[in-house]
Protein backbone atom coordinates (compact mmCIF):
# COMPACT_ATOMS: atom_id res chain seq x y z
CA UNK A 1 -201.89 -145.35 130.37
CA UNK A 2 -202.26 -142.23 128.17
CA UNK A 3 -200.06 -139.39 129.43
CA UNK A 4 -200.99 -136.68 126.89
CA UNK A 5 -204.43 -135.72 125.71
CA UNK A 6 -205.33 -136.66 122.13
CA UNK A 7 -205.44 -132.99 121.19
CA UNK A 8 -201.68 -132.82 121.79
CA UNK A 9 -201.05 -134.47 118.40
CA UNK A 10 -203.11 -131.80 116.67
CA UNK A 11 -201.34 -129.03 118.57
CA UNK A 12 -197.95 -130.50 117.64
CA UNK A 13 -198.85 -130.68 113.93
CA UNK A 14 -200.22 -127.14 113.93
CA UNK A 15 -197.09 -125.92 115.73
CA UNK A 16 -194.80 -127.55 113.16
CA UNK A 17 -196.70 -126.19 110.17
CA UNK A 18 -197.03 -122.81 111.89
CA UNK A 19 -193.28 -122.69 112.45
CA UNK A 20 -192.66 -123.41 108.76
CA UNK A 21 -195.01 -120.62 107.67
CA UNK A 22 -193.51 -118.26 110.24
CA UNK A 23 -189.97 -118.95 109.02
CA UNK A 24 -191.07 -118.51 105.39
CA UNK A 25 -192.74 -115.21 106.26
CA UNK A 26 -189.67 -114.04 108.17
CA UNK A 27 -187.42 -114.96 105.22
CA UNK A 28 -189.72 -113.06 102.83
CA UNK A 29 -189.78 -110.04 105.14
CA UNK A 30 -185.99 -110.06 105.52
CA UNK A 31 -185.49 -110.35 101.75
CA UNK A 32 -187.94 -107.50 101.12
CA UNK A 33 -186.18 -105.25 103.63
CA UNK A 34 -182.80 -105.99 102.06
CA UNK A 35 -184.15 -104.84 98.68
CA UNK A 36 -185.93 -101.80 100.02
CA UNK A 37 -184.66 -98.25 99.58
CA UNK A 38 -184.18 -98.17 103.36
CA UNK A 39 -181.35 -100.69 102.98
CA UNK A 40 -180.04 -99.86 99.50
CA UNK A 41 -180.47 -96.07 99.45
CA UNK A 42 -182.09 -96.34 96.02
CA UNK A 43 -184.10 -93.25 94.99
CA UNK A 44 -183.19 -91.50 98.25
CA UNK A 45 -182.10 -87.86 97.89
CA UNK A 46 -179.32 -87.09 100.37
CA UNK A 47 -178.66 -83.68 101.84
CA UNK A 48 -175.71 -81.89 100.24
CA UNK A 49 -173.81 -78.71 101.20
CA UNK A 50 -175.22 -77.20 97.99
CA UNK A 51 -178.32 -78.59 96.21
CA UNK A 52 -176.52 -79.20 92.92
CA UNK A 53 -178.89 -79.83 90.01
CA UNK A 54 -177.63 -82.19 87.30
CA UNK A 55 -180.77 -81.42 85.33
CA UNK A 56 -179.82 -77.73 85.15
CA UNK A 57 -176.11 -78.22 84.46
CA UNK A 58 -176.31 -81.23 82.12
CA UNK A 59 -179.62 -80.87 80.32
CA UNK A 60 -180.04 -77.11 80.66
CA UNK A 61 -176.47 -75.94 80.08
CA UNK A 62 -175.17 -78.94 78.13
CA UNK A 63 -172.13 -79.57 80.34
CA UNK A 64 -170.46 -82.89 79.54
CA UNK A 65 -170.01 -85.44 82.36
CA UNK A 66 -166.24 -85.32 81.88
CA UNK A 67 -166.00 -81.61 82.63
CA UNK A 68 -166.61 -82.34 86.31
CA UNK A 69 -165.77 -86.05 86.51
CA UNK A 70 -162.37 -85.65 84.90
CA UNK A 71 -160.83 -89.04 85.71
CA UNK A 72 -163.72 -91.27 84.65
CA UNK A 73 -161.97 -92.40 81.44
CA UNK A 74 -158.59 -93.18 82.96
CA UNK A 75 -159.03 -94.33 86.55
CA UNK A 76 -161.22 -96.42 88.81
CA UNK A 77 -162.69 -93.33 90.47
CA UNK A 78 -164.77 -90.94 88.36
CA UNK A 79 -163.64 -88.00 90.44
CA UNK A 80 -165.51 -85.38 92.44
CA UNK A 81 -164.91 -81.92 90.97
CA UNK A 82 -162.73 -79.58 93.02
CA UNK A 83 -164.11 -76.19 93.99
CA UNK A 84 -162.00 -74.58 91.27
CA UNK A 85 -164.16 -76.33 88.66
CA UNK A 86 -167.29 -74.78 90.12
CA UNK A 87 -165.65 -71.38 90.31
CA UNK A 88 -164.66 -71.46 86.65
CA UNK A 89 -168.24 -70.39 86.00
CA UNK A 90 -169.33 -68.98 89.32
CA UNK A 91 -166.68 -66.29 89.36
CA UNK A 92 -168.80 -64.76 86.62
CA UNK A 93 -172.39 -65.82 87.30
CA UNK A 94 -174.48 -66.01 90.49
CA UNK A 95 -171.51 -64.50 92.30
CA UNK A 96 -173.56 -63.29 95.29
CA UNK A 97 -176.13 -66.05 95.54
CA UNK A 98 -176.60 -67.17 99.15
CA UNK A 99 -177.07 -70.72 97.90
CA UNK A 100 -173.48 -70.80 96.67
CA UNK A 101 -171.80 -69.41 99.78
CA UNK A 102 -170.39 -72.87 100.72
CA UNK A 103 -168.66 -72.95 97.32
CA UNK A 104 -167.23 -69.46 97.70
CA UNK A 105 -166.14 -70.23 101.27
CA UNK A 106 -164.44 -73.42 100.10
CA UNK A 107 -162.56 -71.53 97.41
CA UNK A 108 -161.71 -68.63 99.72
CA UNK A 109 -160.50 -70.79 102.61
CA UNK A 110 -158.96 -73.54 100.44
CA UNK A 111 -161.05 -76.19 102.20
CA UNK A 112 -162.76 -78.87 100.04
CA UNK A 113 -166.54 -79.05 100.00
CA UNK A 114 -167.69 -82.13 101.91
CA UNK A 115 -170.06 -83.62 99.35
CA UNK A 116 -172.11 -86.65 100.41
CA UNK A 117 -171.35 -89.68 98.25
CA UNK A 118 -174.42 -90.97 96.41
CA UNK A 119 -173.01 -94.10 94.74
CA UNK A 120 -170.95 -95.38 97.66
CA UNK A 121 -169.95 -99.02 97.26
CA UNK A 122 -168.67 -101.02 100.24
CA UNK A 123 -164.89 -101.15 100.72
CA UNK A 124 -164.85 -104.85 99.83
CA UNK A 125 -166.20 -104.16 96.33
CA UNK A 126 -163.83 -103.18 93.51
CA UNK A 127 -165.27 -101.11 90.69
CA UNK A 128 -163.32 -99.44 87.88
CA UNK A 129 -165.00 -96.68 85.89
CA UNK A 130 -162.36 -96.60 83.16
CA UNK A 131 -162.82 -100.30 82.37
CA UNK A 132 -166.57 -99.93 81.95
CA UNK A 133 -166.16 -96.82 79.79
CA UNK A 134 -163.63 -98.63 77.58
CA UNK A 135 -166.09 -101.52 77.18
CA UNK A 136 -168.84 -99.17 75.96
CA UNK A 137 -171.02 -99.11 79.06
CA UNK A 138 -172.85 -95.80 79.22
CA UNK A 139 -173.15 -93.61 82.31
CA UNK A 140 -176.92 -93.97 82.19
CA UNK A 141 -176.69 -97.76 82.58
CA UNK A 142 -175.66 -97.40 86.23
CA UNK A 143 -176.50 -93.81 87.12
CA UNK A 144 -179.80 -93.41 85.28
CA UNK A 145 -180.96 -90.27 83.50
CA UNK A 146 -178.95 -87.84 85.61
CA UNK A 147 -179.82 -85.08 83.13
CA UNK A 148 -183.39 -85.31 84.43
CA UNK A 149 -182.51 -85.32 88.14
CA UNK A 150 -183.05 -81.98 89.80
CA UNK A 151 -181.33 -83.46 92.84
CA UNK A 152 -179.05 -86.46 92.47
CA UNK A 153 -180.07 -89.86 93.80
CA UNK A 154 -178.95 -93.46 93.44
CA UNK A 155 -180.86 -94.87 90.48
CA UNK A 156 -179.94 -98.57 90.85
CA UNK A 157 -179.90 -100.79 93.91
CA UNK A 158 -176.13 -101.48 93.51
CA UNK A 159 -176.69 -104.82 95.20
CA UNK A 160 -174.60 -107.77 94.08
CA UNK A 161 -177.49 -109.39 92.21
CA UNK A 162 -177.90 -106.21 90.15
CA UNK A 163 -174.22 -106.17 89.20
CA UNK A 164 -174.14 -109.91 88.48
CA UNK A 165 -177.21 -109.63 86.24
CA UNK A 166 -175.26 -107.30 83.96
CA UNK A 167 -172.05 -109.30 84.20
CA UNK A 168 -173.86 -112.44 83.08
CA UNK A 169 -175.03 -110.72 79.90
CA UNK A 170 -173.12 -107.45 79.42
CA UNK A 171 -173.72 -107.30 75.67
CA UNK A 172 -177.23 -105.92 76.13
CA UNK A 173 -175.77 -102.75 77.69
CA UNK A 174 -172.94 -102.11 75.24
CA UNK A 175 -173.02 -98.96 73.13
CA UNK A 176 -170.47 -97.20 70.88
CA UNK A 177 -167.66 -95.68 72.95
CA UNK A 178 -168.35 -92.26 71.49
CA UNK A 179 -171.89 -92.48 72.92
CA UNK A 180 -170.93 -93.51 76.47
CA UNK A 181 -171.51 -89.98 77.79
CA UNK A 182 -174.57 -89.33 75.65
CA UNK A 183 -177.45 -89.77 78.07
CA UNK A 184 -180.04 -89.70 75.30
CA UNK A 185 -178.50 -92.41 73.08
CA UNK A 186 -180.73 -95.35 72.22
CA UNK A 187 -179.94 -98.54 70.27
CA UNK A 188 -181.65 -99.03 66.89
CA UNK A 189 -185.40 -99.44 67.21
CA UNK A 190 -185.31 -102.69 65.24
CA UNK A 191 -184.42 -105.48 67.74
CA UNK A 192 -182.36 -107.44 65.19
CA UNK A 193 -180.32 -104.38 64.25
CA UNK A 194 -179.80 -103.56 67.92
CA UNK A 195 -178.58 -107.08 68.72
CA UNK A 196 -176.30 -107.08 65.67
CA UNK A 197 -174.77 -103.73 66.65
CA UNK A 198 -174.24 -104.75 70.26
CA UNK A 199 -172.76 -108.11 69.26
CA UNK A 200 -170.33 -106.40 66.87
CA UNK A 201 -169.30 -103.84 69.49
CA UNK A 202 -168.92 -106.52 72.16
CA UNK A 203 -166.53 -108.42 69.90
CA UNK A 204 -164.63 -105.25 68.97
CA UNK A 205 -164.31 -104.14 72.62
CA UNK A 206 -163.61 -107.70 73.87
CA UNK A 207 -166.59 -107.66 76.21
CA UNK A 208 -166.81 -110.87 78.22
CA UNK A 209 -169.12 -112.32 80.82
CA UNK A 210 -167.14 -112.11 84.08
CA UNK A 211 -168.89 -113.67 87.05
CA UNK A 212 -166.02 -114.99 89.17
CA UNK A 213 -165.88 -113.63 92.72
CA UNK A 214 -162.40 -112.17 92.17
CA UNK A 215 -163.72 -109.83 89.47
CA UNK A 216 -165.22 -107.52 92.09
CA UNK A 217 -163.85 -108.87 95.39
CA UNK A 218 -160.09 -108.52 95.41
C-alpha cells in the first residue's frame, strides 16, 4: 500500500537542494554584510566636535604627523592632541571663528575635546604603533592618504583578515624609517629594485612574519 504520492520524492529532493542553496545564499549574504562599510566603518565620515581637515593641515600647511600624534614613535597609542596643541596656532589665527568655538571653550574651561575615534580597534586586539614605526611601516599603509582627506575616515577595513594579510608578508610594506611619516613616498619604480630595497630593510629592521594568535590577542 503506497502511503505517499509519487510526487513526494520530487518535493523532498527539491527541498533538500533548495535548503543547500538557501544556506549558501545566507552564508554569502552574511559574509558580504560583515565586509561592508556598515559593519567595518570603512570610508564612513563620523561627526566630530570640529570638522578637522587633515588635507588642510598636512598637505596645505605641511604639519608633520608627529606634531599632533606625539607618542606614535614611543608607545602603543599614537596620541590624540590636547587642546593646547591646537591653540599653539589658533591663539594667533582664526581666533574668532565660530567653527573653532569648541576648541576655545575646551581651552578656556580646561575640559578635553571629545573627539570621535576613527580607527577604534576592539578591546581584545593589541596594536602597538611604535613597533610598526620601528619596523618601517608607513602611516599611509594603514591610514591611507590622510593628506588628501578633507574629513578623516577609516581607510582600511581593520578586519582580522586585513591585518593577517600584511603579517603573512610584511616585507611588501616596509619602507625606510626616515620615510615612515612621508605620505608621498613610493618604492623604486623598477620592481626588482623595489624588492631588493624592501628585502634589505626587512633584514636590517628584523621584520618577521608573525601570524600566531598571541601576536595581537594577548
